């Protein structure tokens, strides 16, 4: 199997992956679950443990939250086959990782990995199945699926009682930020404020603090923090003891906190289309109405692509729009290079169109022959 599972944010892709992993382990195989961030790895590890604690399945987490001695033990367990499911970040791609009997590779948030990383994991074993999860596949992957070089499954049904996220593109305005945060806190919710620059994130936090009542609890989260500090901040936020989290894109991938239903994204014109959709998907994961505010600087002239991206994200705000956004991304950025490592861009080579036709024909013939 080499299958792309495309389902919108919060549609239950992780649930499908969890069941696939369990089935693989029951059949005596090991599972590698590759995720882009340590925070998401930690969340999946917690969820897996909760779900399969009554079964004799050994789940481990391999990322920078573990010290050197713990990592060494886990690597040894993987080699000896003592660990059934290993959830990890890019650390899983290191040279010292040798699986005893790998049966299934799950790649979560596929759009966050480069071609080399994904191919390396597939090359670990030609006999293993690969399940790729994404809400907004990168143009190259989407194109491969549409041509039939990769199998594609789509989850179209939203969870019950799910409401669309109200998406607004506005110029930066402190009054609006204050109103948005206050409105969310009034209904006992929490807020993400995304500012993707570590250098001045503390200044931004202080600026927001000045416009809010003293009782509002703010904190910062970004990838350059010491692991233990970051882990503590995220755990406090999940417990509800932080009201507003000023953070970088570290929260983009798969984080699931149902109580957070307002997200404010600063300098939204600098983000890619799938990034904006992923960030917006961090809210509205419950039966409450949710809001996403995309802030752009005052009096700044946006380039054509940035304007197209913001128009697309505002237009496709209804449930299940991830696939449409990916198609729009394919149109704006081009399909990339199916033979090389470029994941987007328009191939100028004369023979590319002919190559695509030949590939499509070959795939069709293989399918007819039942290969």
Protein backbone atom coordinates (compact mmCIF):
# COMPACT_ATOMS: atom_id res chain seq x y z
CA UNK A 1 0.00 0.00 0.00
CA UNK A 2 1.11 3.55 -0.75
CA UNK A 3 -2.02 5.52 0.09
CA UNK A 4 -2.72 9.19 0.65
CA UNK A 5 -5.56 9.76 3.12
CA UNK A 6 -6.91 13.24 2.60
CA UNK A 7 -9.40 14.46 5.21
CA UNK A 8 -9.99 17.95 6.47
CA UNK A 9 -8.54 19.17 9.77
CA UNK A 10 -10.32 17.48 12.69
CA UNK A 11 -12.05 14.88 10.46
CA UNK A 12 -10.54 11.82 12.16
CA UNK A 13 -7.44 10.90 10.11
CA UNK A 14 -5.56 10.07 13.33
CA UNK A 15 -8.35 7.67 14.29
CA UNK A 16 -7.90 5.77 11.00
CA UNK A 17 -4.10 5.71 11.55
CA UNK A 18 -4.54 4.44 15.11
CA UNK A 19 -6.69 1.52 13.95
CA UNK A 20 -4.30 0.69 11.09
CA UNK A 21 -1.36 0.71 13.54
CA UNK A 22 -3.22 -1.56 15.98
CA UNK A 23 -4.08 -4.01 13.18
CA UNK A 24 -0.44 -4.13 12.04
CA UNK A 25 0.79 -4.84 15.59
CA UNK A 26 -1.82 -7.58 16.11
CA UNK A 27 -0.37 -9.22 12.98
CA UNK A 28 3.11 -9.19 14.49
CA UNK A 29 4.58 -6.16 12.69
CA UNK A 30 6.20 -2.95 13.95
CA UNK A 31 4.80 0.50 13.18
CA UNK A 32 6.69 3.78 12.62
CA UNK A 33 4.57 6.92 13.07
CA UNK A 34 6.40 9.98 11.73
CA UNK A 35 5.17 13.42 12.84
CA UNK A 36 6.63 16.91 12.18
CA UNK A 37 6.74 18.38 15.71
CA UNK A 38 7.60 17.22 19.23
CA UNK A 39 4.33 18.64 20.60
CA UNK A 40 2.25 16.59 18.17
CA UNK A 41 4.37 13.50 18.87
CA UNK A 42 3.69 13.92 22.59
CA UNK A 43 -0.06 14.31 21.95
CA UNK A 44 -0.22 11.16 19.77
CA UNK A 45 1.81 9.21 22.34
CA UNK A 46 -0.64 10.21 25.07
CA UNK A 47 -3.66 9.28 22.88
CA UNK A 48 -2.21 5.92 21.83
CA UNK A 49 -1.44 5.00 25.43
CA UNK A 50 -4.96 5.91 26.54
CA UNK A 51 -6.54 3.83 23.79
CA UNK A 52 -4.47 0.66 23.96
CA UNK A 53 -3.52 0.48 27.62
CA UNK A 54 -5.60 -2.72 28.03
CA UNK A 55 -3.67 -4.52 25.29
CA UNK A 56 -0.13 -5.97 25.32
CA UNK A 57 1.19 -3.33 22.92
CA UNK A 58 4.40 -1.44 23.65
CA UNK A 59 4.27 2.22 22.45
CA UNK A 60 7.27 4.54 22.67
CA UNK A 61 8.00 8.20 21.92
CA UNK A 62 11.27 9.21 20.22
CA UNK A 63 11.93 12.94 20.11
CA UNK A 64 13.97 15.69 21.83
CA UNK A 65 11.77 15.50 24.97
CA UNK A 66 13.72 12.30 25.77
CA UNK A 67 17.26 12.44 27.15
CA UNK A 68 20.19 10.62 25.53
CA UNK A 69 20.01 7.50 27.74
CA UNK A 70 16.25 7.11 27.13
CA UNK A 71 16.74 7.54 23.37
CA UNK A 72 19.45 4.86 23.39
CA UNK A 73 17.14 2.38 25.16
CA UNK A 74 14.32 3.09 22.70
CA UNK A 75 16.61 2.65 19.65
CA UNK A 76 17.75 -0.69 21.11
CA UNK A 77 14.11 -1.73 21.71
CA UNK A 78 13.26 -0.94 18.07
CA UNK A 79 16.18 -3.06 16.80
CA UNK A 80 15.29 -6.00 19.06
CA UNK A 81 11.56 -5.79 18.24
CA UNK A 82 10.57 -5.08 21.85
CA UNK A 83 8.79 -1.86 20.77
CA UNK A 84 5.66 -2.31 18.65
CA UNK A 85 4.75 1.29 17.81
CA UNK A 86 7.27 4.13 17.79
CA UNK A 87 5.99 7.68 17.42
CA UNK A 88 8.71 10.13 16.51
CA UNK A 89 9.87 13.27 14.77
CA UNK A 90 12.72 13.48 12.20
CA UNK A 91 14.76 11.51 14.78
CA UNK A 92 13.13 8.39 13.28
CA UNK A 93 15.06 9.06 10.07
CA UNK A 94 18.48 8.83 11.79
CA UNK A 95 21.04 6.27 10.64
CA UNK A 96 20.98 4.35 13.95
CA UNK A 97 17.29 3.36 13.63
CA UNK A 98 17.00 -0.27 12.48
CA UNK A 99 13.58 -1.96 12.71
CA UNK A 100 13.37 -5.69 13.35
CA UNK A 101 10.17 -6.21 11.34
CA UNK A 102 8.60 -2.97 10.09
CA UNK A 103 5.12 -3.48 8.62
CA UNK A 104 3.53 -0.03 8.46
CA UNK A 105 4.85 3.51 8.07
CA UNK A 106 2.43 6.34 8.89
CA UNK A 107 3.44 9.86 7.82
CA UNK A 108 1.32 12.48 9.56
CA UNK A 109 0.96 16.03 8.21
CA UNK A 110 2.68 15.03 4.97
CA UNK A 111 2.96 18.63 3.76
CA UNK A 112 5.57 19.34 6.46
CA UNK A 113 8.14 16.85 5.13
CA UNK A 114 10.52 17.01 2.19
CA UNK A 115 10.65 14.36 -0.54
CA UNK A 116 13.99 12.98 0.73
CA UNK A 117 12.60 12.41 4.25
CA UNK A 118 9.54 10.53 2.97
CA UNK A 119 11.52 8.43 0.48
CA UNK A 120 14.07 7.51 3.16
CA UNK A 121 11.34 6.10 5.39
CA UNK A 122 9.83 4.13 2.51
CA UNK A 123 13.25 2.73 1.62
CA UNK A 124 13.63 1.22 5.12
CA UNK A 125 11.68 -1.73 3.86
CA UNK A 126 10.21 -2.34 0.43
CA UNK A 127 7.78 -4.77 2.01
CA UNK A 128 6.10 -2.27 4.33
CA UNK A 129 2.85 -0.37 3.75
CA UNK A 130 2.83 3.43 3.73
CA UNK A 131 -0.14 5.50 4.89
CA UNK A 132 0.20 9.26 4.41
CA UNK A 133 -2.17 11.62 6.22
CA UNK A 134 -2.84 15.23 5.26
CA UNK A 135 -5.57 17.86 5.07
CA UNK A 136 -3.78 19.84 2.37
CA UNK A 137 -1.35 17.70 0.34
CA UNK A 138 1.59 19.52 -1.25
CA UNK A 139 1.11 20.01 -5.04
CA UNK A 140 3.52 17.19 -5.99
CA UNK A 141 1.76 14.58 -3.82
CA UNK A 142 -1.71 15.71 -4.91
CA UNK A 143 -0.67 15.52 -8.56
CA UNK A 144 0.75 12.00 -8.10
CA UNK A 145 -2.54 10.91 -6.52
CA UNK A 146 -4.65 12.47 -9.25
CA UNK A 147 -2.57 10.72 -11.90
CA UNK A 148 -2.95 7.37 -10.18
CA UNK A 149 0.72 6.95 -9.19
CA UNK A 150 -0.44 6.97 -5.56
CA UNK A 151 -3.76 5.67 -4.19
CA UNK A 152 -6.07 8.31 -2.74
CA UNK A 153 -8.80 8.10 -0.11
CA UNK A 154 -10.82 11.10 1.02
CA UNK A 155 -12.80 11.54 4.26
CA UNK A 156 -15.69 13.78 3.28
CA UNK A 157 -17.96 13.59 6.32
CA UNK A 158 -17.37 16.10 9.12
CA UNK A 159 -17.79 15.02 12.76
CA UNK A 160 -21.30 15.57 14.17
CA UNK A 161 -22.25 19.10 15.30
CA UNK A 162 -19.12 20.58 13.67
CA UNK A 163 -19.58 24.22 12.60
CA UNK A 164 -17.64 26.10 9.87
CA UNK A 165 -14.93 28.48 11.12
CA UNK A 166 -15.65 32.16 10.52
CA UNK A 167 -12.60 33.50 8.65
CA UNK A 168 -11.85 37.23 8.45
CA UNK A 169 -8.93 38.98 6.73
CA UNK A 170 -8.37 42.39 8.40
CA UNK A 171 -5.68 45.03 8.81
CA UNK A 172 -3.69 44.89 12.06
CA UNK A 173 -5.72 46.64 14.78
CA UNK A 174 -5.06 46.46 18.56
CA UNK A 175 -8.71 47.25 19.36
CA UNK A 176 -9.89 44.33 17.26
CA UNK A 177 -7.33 41.99 18.94
CA UNK A 178 -8.56 43.12 22.35
CA UNK A 179 -12.24 42.56 21.40
CA UNK A 180 -11.56 39.13 19.87
CA UNK A 181 -9.60 37.84 22.91
CA UNK A 182 -12.07 39.32 25.44
CA UNK A 183 -15.07 37.82 23.60
CA UNK A 184 -13.49 34.34 23.67
CA UNK A 185 -12.47 34.56 27.35
CA UNK A 186 -15.97 35.73 28.27
CA UNK A 187 -17.35 32.38 27.10
CA UNK A 188 -14.63 30.54 29.08
CA UNK A 189 -12.60 29.67 25.97
CA UNK A 190 -8.90 30.06 25.13
CA UNK A 191 -7.03 31.87 22.34
CA UNK A 192 -4.03 31.28 20.05
CA UNK A 193 -2.12 34.36 18.86
CA UNK A 194 0.28 33.21 16.14
CA UNK A 195 3.36 35.36 15.54
CA UNK A 196 5.95 33.41 13.56
CA UNK A 197 9.11 35.32 14.58
CA UNK A 198 10.98 34.15 17.66
CA UNK A 199 13.13 37.34 17.75
CA UNK A 200 10.32 39.67 18.80
CA UNK A 201 7.67 37.28 20.13
CA UNK A 202 8.17 38.56 23.69
CA UNK A 203 7.55 42.16 22.58
CA UNK A 204 4.31 41.01 20.92
CA UNK A 205 3.30 39.20 24.13
CA UNK A 206 3.95 42.38 26.18
CA UNK A 207 1.98 44.52 23.72
CA UNK A 208 -1.04 42.18 24.00
CA UNK A 209 -0.69 42.04 27.78
CA UNK A 210 -0.98 45.85 27.97
CA UNK A 211 -4.37 45.91 26.21
CA UNK A 212 -5.93 43.12 28.32
CA UNK A 213 -7.10 43.04 31.97
CA UNK A 214 -4.43 41.99 34.48
CA UNK A 215 -6.29 38.76 35.29
CA UNK A 216 -5.71 37.35 31.79
CA UNK A 217 -2.93 34.72 31.81
CA UNK A 218 -0.58 34.84 28.80
CA UNK A 219 2.40 32.70 27.89
CA UNK A 220 4.77 32.01 24.99
CA UNK A 221 5.51 28.81 23.02
CA UNK A 222 8.11 28.35 20.27
CA UNK A 223 10.49 25.67 19.02
CA UNK A 224 13.69 27.27 20.39
CA UNK A 225 12.58 26.94 24.02
CA UNK A 226 14.21 24.26 26.22
CA UNK A 227 12.20 21.01 25.82
CA UNK A 228 11.09 20.83 29.47
CA UNK A 229 9.88 24.47 29.48
CA UNK A 230 7.94 23.98 26.22
CA UNK A 231 6.40 20.76 27.53
CA UNK A 232 5.30 22.57 30.71
CA UNK A 233 3.74 25.52 28.80
CA UNK A 234 1.79 23.21 26.47
CA UNK A 235 0.59 21.06 29.36
CA UNK A 236 -0.56 24.20 31.27
CA UNK A 237 -2.37 25.44 28.17
CA UNK A 238 -4.11 22.08 27.70
CA UNK A 239 -5.15 22.13 31.37
CA UNK A 240 -6.70 25.59 30.90
CA UNK A 241 -4.35 27.48 33.25
CA UNK A 242 -3.21 29.75 30.36
CA UNK A 243 -5.86 31.90 28.62
CA UNK A 244 -3.94 33.15 25.59
CA UNK A 245 -0.93 31.44 24.03
CA UNK A 246 1.35 33.66 21.94
CA UNK A 247 3.15 31.16 19.74
CA UNK A 248 4.89 30.42 16.46
CA UNK A 249 3.71 27.87 13.88
CA UNK A 250 4.72 25.14 16.33
CA UNK A 251 1.00 24.60 17.01
CA UNK A 252 0.19 24.15 13.31
CA UNK A 253 0.24 20.37 13.10
CA UNK A 254 -2.60 18.33 14.51
CA UNK A 255 -2.81 19.91 17.99
CA UNK A 256 -6.25 19.13 19.37
CA UNK A 257 -7.52 21.35 22.23
CA UNK A 258 -11.34 21.67 21.92
CA UNK A 259 -11.52 24.65 24.33
CA UNK A 260 -9.53 26.93 21.97
CA UNK A 261 -11.96 28.56 19.53
CA UNK A 262 -10.32 31.83 18.50
CA UNK A 263 -7.08 32.08 16.54
CA UNK A 264 -5.41 35.35 15.51
CA UNK A 265 -2.68 35.04 12.86
CA UNK A 266 -0.29 37.99 12.60
CA UNK A 267 1.27 38.79 9.17
CA UNK A 268 -0.99 36.22 7.51
CA UNK A 269 0.28 37.24 4.04
CA UNK A 270 3.62 35.55 4.81
CA UNK A 271 2.10 32.09 5.31
CA UNK A 272 1.50 29.42 2.68
CA UNK A 273 -2.03 28.35 1.82
CA UNK A 274 -1.85 24.97 3.52
CA UNK A 275 -0.22 26.57 6.60
CA UNK A 276 -3.13 29.01 6.93
CA UNK A 277 -5.64 26.18 6.57
CA UNK A 278 -3.80 24.04 9.13
CA UNK A 279 -3.57 26.92 11.61
CA UNK A 280 -7.25 27.71 11.17
CA UNK A 281 -7.96 24.03 11.83
CA UNK A 282 -6.58 24.32 15.38
CA UNK A 283 -9.91 25.93 16.37
CA UNK A 284 -13.51 24.85 15.85
CA UNK A 285 -12.78 21.28 16.98
CA UNK A 286 -15.89 21.12 19.14
CA UNK A 287 -19.55 22.12 18.78
CA UNK A 288 -18.86 25.83 19.42
CA UNK A 289 -18.62 28.50 16.74
CA UNK A 290 -14.99 29.45 16.10
CA UNK A 291 -13.23 32.47 14.58
CA UNK A 292 -9.97 32.91 12.68
CA UNK A 293 -8.61 36.45 12.25
CA UNK A 294 -5.95 36.84 9.56
CA UNK A 295 -4.07 40.09 10.22
CA UNK A 296 -2.20 41.92 7.48
CA UNK A 297 -0.09 45.07 8.00
CA UNK A 298 -1.74 48.45 7.46
CA UNK A 299 -1.09 50.20 4.14
CA UNK A 300 1.09 47.40 2.75
CA UNK A 301 0.69 46.42 -0.90
CA UNK A 302 0.48 42.61 -1.09
CA UNK A 303 1.98 40.71 -4.00
CA UNK A 304 -0.34 38.80 -6.35
CA UNK A 305 0.28 35.32 -4.88
CA UNK A 306 -0.24 36.52 -1.29
CA UNK A 307 -3.51 38.15 -2.32
CA UNK A 308 -4.63 34.97 -4.11
CA UNK A 309 -3.82 32.89 -1.01
CA UNK A 310 -5.80 35.15 1.33
CA UNK A 311 -8.74 35.25 -1.07
CA UNK A 312 -8.70 31.44 -1.34
CA UNK A 313 -8.58 30.88 2.44
CA UNK A 314 -11.46 33.33 2.98
CA UNK A 315 -13.52 31.83 0.16
CA UNK A 316 -13.03 28.21 1.25
CA UNK A 317 -14.14 28.53 4.85
CA UNK A 318 -16.88 25.88 4.76
CA UNK A 319 -16.42 22.40 6.24
CA UNK A 320 -14.32 20.01 4.19
CA UNK A 321 -12.55 22.69 2.16
CA UNK A 322 -9.01 21.31 2.62
CA UNK A 323 -9.07 19.43 -0.68
CA UNK A 324 -10.28 22.53 -2.57
CA UNK A 325 -7.51 24.57 -0.93
CA UNK A 326 -4.93 21.96 -2.01
CA UNK A 327 -6.26 22.19 -5.59
CA UNK A 328 -5.98 25.99 -5.44
CA UNK A 329 -2.40 25.59 -4.15
CA UNK A 330 -1.60 23.26 -7.06
CA UNK A 331 -2.90 25.95 -9.43
CA UNK A 332 -0.96 28.81 -7.79
CA UNK A 333 2.34 27.00 -7.21
CA UNK A 334 2.52 24.32 -9.92
CA UNK A 335 2.90 20.54 -9.62
CA UNK A 336 6.63 20.32 -8.91
CA UNK A 337 8.85 17.57 -10.28
CA UNK A 338 7.61 13.98 -10.05
CA UNK A 339 11.07 12.60 -10.84
CA UNK A 340 13.09 14.99 -8.67
CA UNK A 341 12.72 16.51 -5.22
CA UNK A 342 10.98 19.82 -6.02
CA UNK A 343 7.57 19.71 -4.35
CA UNK A 344 6.09 22.61 -6.31
CA UNK A 345 6.90 24.86 -9.28
CA UNK A 346 6.25 24.78 -13.01
CA UNK A 347 8.55 22.48 -14.94
CA UNK A 348 9.92 24.33 -17.97
CA UNK A 349 11.25 21.17 -19.64
CA UNK A 350 9.57 20.47 -22.98
CA UNK A 351 9.13 16.77 -22.31
CA UNK A 352 7.25 17.05 -19.00
CA UNK A 353 3.76 16.94 -20.49
CA UNK A 354 4.64 13.92 -22.61
CA UNK A 355 6.18 12.20 -19.57
CA UNK A 356 2.93 12.78 -17.60
CA UNK A 357 0.84 11.26 -20.39
CA UNK A 358 3.12 8.23 -20.61
CA UNK A 359 3.04 7.79 -16.83
CA UNK A 360 -0.77 8.00 -16.78
CA UNK A 361 -0.96 5.42 -19.59
CA UNK A 362 1.49 3.07 -17.81
CA UNK A 363 -0.42 3.30 -14.52
CA UNK A 364 -3.72 2.54 -16.32
CA UNK A 365 -2.18 -0.48 -18.09
CA UNK A 366 -0.77 -1.86 -14.81
CA UNK A 367 -4.18 -1.49 -13.17
CA UNK A 368 -5.91 -3.30 -16.06
CA UNK A 369 -3.35 -6.10 -15.87
CA UNK A 370 -4.01 -6.38 -12.12
CA UNK A 371 -0.36 -5.74 -11.20
